[in-house]
Amino acid sequence: STSKGYQLDFVTVNGKQIYVQGNSFTVDNVTEDLLIVVSFKKQSGGFLSGNSVLLDYFIIFVVLFVVFGILKLAVYLIRKKRPDLRKY
């Protein structure tokens, strides 16, 4: 099985690449030595196709900060345009 953050890249048996589905494969009827090569690669992911979780959280924080700032400004402008009924 693959470690967190990695995925199966390719598998070769005696130099021939084989298709692997579900991260497992079986070699049947082994009668001679086999050279099995398994290669893994880092999973692509994250908002910027990087693997930095810290960067992902930072981007989420900035987006939320901007969204709440816009909402606060909208509420301020709506209240500013509406007359205060408590004065009458």
C-alpha atoms as a PDB file:
ATOM      1  CA  SER A   1       0.000   0.000   0.000  1.00  0.00           C
ATOM      2  CA  THR A   2       1.129   3.564  -0.588  1.00  0.00           C
ATOM      3  CA  SER A   3       2.103   6.028   2.122  1.00  0.00           C
ATOM      4  CA  LYS A   4       0.065   9.141   2.709  1.00  0.00           C
ATOM      5  CA  GLY A   5       0.932  11.768   0.121  1.00  0.00           C
ATOM      6  CA  TYR A   6       2.186   9.255  -2.437  1.00  0.00           C
ATOM      7  CA  GLN A   7       0.548   7.278  -5.188  1.00  0.00           C
ATOM      8  CA  LEU A   8       1.583   4.378  -7.372  1.00  0.00           C
ATOM      9  CA  ASP A   9       3.415   5.593 -10.469  1.00  0.00           C
ATOM     10  CA  PHE A  10       4.205   2.371 -12.338  1.00  0.00           C
ATOM     11  CA  VAL A  11       5.091  -1.303 -11.912  1.00  0.00           C
ATOM     12  CA  THR A  12       7.345  -3.336 -14.187  1.00  0.00           C
ATOM     13  CA  VAL A  13       7.975  -7.074 -14.175  1.00  0.00           C
ATOM     14  CA  ASN A  14      11.165  -8.084 -16.000  1.00  0.00           C
ATOM     15  CA  GLY A  15      11.201  -4.695 -17.732  1.00  0.00           C
ATOM     16  CA  LYS A  16       7.619  -4.859 -18.997  1.00  0.00           C
ATOM     17  CA  GLN A  17       5.238  -2.302 -17.565  1.00  0.00           C
ATOM     18  CA  ILE A  18       2.026  -3.780 -16.208  1.00  0.00           C
ATOM     19  CA  TYR A  19      -1.308  -2.136 -15.481  1.00  0.00           C
ATOM     20  CA  VAL A  20      -2.191  -2.055 -11.806  1.00  0.00           C
ATOM     21  CA  GLN A  21      -5.694  -1.371 -10.590  1.00  0.00           C
ATOM     22  CA  GLY A  22      -6.485  -0.760  -6.938  1.00  0.00           C
ATOM     23  CA  ASN A  23      -2.830  -0.510  -5.832  1.00  0.00           C
ATOM     24  CA  SER A  24      -2.319  -4.282  -5.809  1.00  0.00           C
ATOM     25  CA  PHE A  25      -1.219  -6.962  -8.234  1.00  0.00           C
ATOM     26  CA  THR A  26      -0.452 -10.680  -8.145  1.00  0.00           C
ATOM     27  CA  VAL A  27       2.213 -12.622  -9.989  1.00  0.00           C
ATOM     28  CA  ASP A  28       1.052 -16.211 -10.551  1.00  0.00           C
ATOM     29  CA  ASN A  29       2.997 -19.341 -11.538  1.00  0.00           C
ATOM     30  CA  VAL A  30       6.461 -18.041 -10.663  1.00  0.00           C
ATOM     31  CA  THR A  31       9.033 -20.537 -11.992  1.00  0.00           C
ATOM     32  CA  GLU A  32      12.072 -18.271 -12.273  1.00  0.00           C
ATOM     33  CA  ASP A  33      13.548 -15.127 -10.760  1.00  0.00           C
ATOM     34  CA  LEU A  34      11.605 -11.958 -11.497  1.00  0.00           C
ATOM     35  CA  LEU A  35      12.723  -8.366 -11.388  1.00  0.00           C
ATOM     36  CA  ILE A  36       9.784  -6.376 -10.014  1.00  0.00           C
ATOM     37  CA  VAL A  37      10.122  -2.600  -9.903  1.00  0.00           C
ATOM     38  CA  VAL A  38       7.520  -0.463  -8.167  1.00  0.00           C
ATOM     39  CA  SER A  39       7.699   3.320  -8.454  1.00  0.00           C
ATOM     40  CA  PHE A  40       5.775   5.865  -6.403  1.00  0.00           C
ATOM     41  CA  LYS A  41       5.275   9.582  -6.923  1.00  0.00           C
ATOM     42  CA  LYS A  42       4.023  12.406  -4.764  1.00  0.00           C
ATOM     43  CA  GLN A  43       0.325  12.985  -5.133  1.00  0.00           C
ATOM     44  CA  SER A  44      -0.580  16.188  -6.821  1.00  0.00           C
ATOM     45  CA  GLY A  45      -3.055  18.151  -4.847  1.00  0.00           C
ATOM     46  CA  GLY A  46      -3.695  21.281  -2.940  1.00  0.00           C
ATOM     47  CA  PHE A  47      -5.010  24.524  -4.286  1.00  0.00           C
ATOM     48  CA  LEU A  48      -1.786  25.412  -6.073  1.00  0.00           C
ATOM     49  CA  SER A  49      -0.888  21.836  -7.052  1.00  0.00           C
ATOM     50  CA  GLY A  50       1.662  21.812  -4.278  1.00  0.00           C
ATOM     51  CA  ASN A  51       1.720  19.529  -1.317  1.00  0.00           C
ATOM     52  CA  SER A  52       1.925  22.182   1.373  1.00  0.00           C
ATOM     53  CA  VAL A  53      -0.984  21.881   3.783  1.00  0.00           C
ATOM     54  CA  LEU A  54       0.168  25.077   5.471  1.00  0.00           C
ATOM     55  CA  LEU A  55      -0.131  26.939   2.168  1.00  0.00           C
ATOM     56  CA  ASP A  56      -3.622  25.506   1.648  1.00  0.00           C
ATOM     57  CA  TYR A  57      -4.742  26.724   5.083  1.00  0.00           C
ATOM     58  CA  PHE A  58      -3.182  30.133   4.483  1.00  0.00           C
ATOM     59  CA  ILE A  59      -5.104  30.509   1.214  1.00  0.00           C
ATOM     60  CA  ILE A  60      -8.336  29.454   2.935  1.00  0.00           C
ATOM     61  CA  PHE A  61      -7.685  32.016   5.686  1.00  0.00           C
ATOM     62  CA  VAL A  62      -7.048  34.828   3.177  1.00  0.00           C
ATOM     63  CA  VAL A  63     -10.163  33.966   1.154  1.00  0.00           C
ATOM     64  CA  LEU A  64     -12.331  33.905   4.287  1.00  0.00           C
ATOM     65  CA  PHE A  65     -10.801  37.182   5.479  1.00  0.00           C
ATOM     66  CA  VAL A  66     -11.608  38.867   2.154  1.00  0.00           C
ATOM     67  CA  VAL A  67     -15.144  37.428   2.020  1.00  0.00           C
ATOM     68  CA  PHE A  68     -15.954  38.562   5.566  1.00  0.00           C
ATOM     69  CA  GLY A  69     -14.430  41.972   4.818  1.00  0.00           C
ATOM     70  CA  ILE A  70     -16.696  42.373   1.803  1.00  0.00           C
ATOM     71  CA  LEU A  71     -19.725  41.273   3.828  1.00  0.00           C
ATOM     72  CA  LYS A  72     -18.878  43.733   6.600  1.00  0.00           C
ATOM     73  CA  LEU A  73     -18.531  46.549   4.055  1.00  0.00           C
ATOM     74  CA  ALA A  74     -21.876  45.596   2.456  1.00  0.00           C
ATOM     75  CA  VAL A  75     -23.642  45.654   5.830  1.00  0.00           C
ATOM     76  CA  TYR A  76     -22.075  49.033   6.633  1.00  0.00           C
ATOM     77  CA  LEU A  77     -23.190  50.530   3.313  1.00  0.00           C
ATOM     78  CA  ILE A  78     -26.727  49.150   3.669  1.00  0.00           C
ATOM     79  CA  ARG A  79     -27.063  50.597   7.167  1.00  0.00           C
ATOM     80  CA  LYS A  80     -25.611  53.935   6.054  1.00  0.00           C
ATOM     81  CA  LYS A  81     -28.204  54.344   3.262  1.00  0.00           C
ATOM     82  CA  ARG A  82     -31.186  53.318   5.404  1.00  0.00           C
ATOM     83  CA  PRO A  83     -32.535  56.040   7.710  1.00  0.00           C
ATOM     84  CA  ASP A  84     -32.410  55.356  11.411  1.00  0.00           C
ATOM     85  CA  LEU A  85     -36.037  54.929  12.478  1.00  0.00           C
ATOM     86  CA  ARG A  86     -35.198  55.288  16.164  1.00  0.00           C
ATOM     87  CA  LYS A  87     -34.697  59.050  15.742  1.00  0.00           C
ATOM     88  CA  TYR A  88     -38.373  59.674  14.869  1.00  0.00           C
END
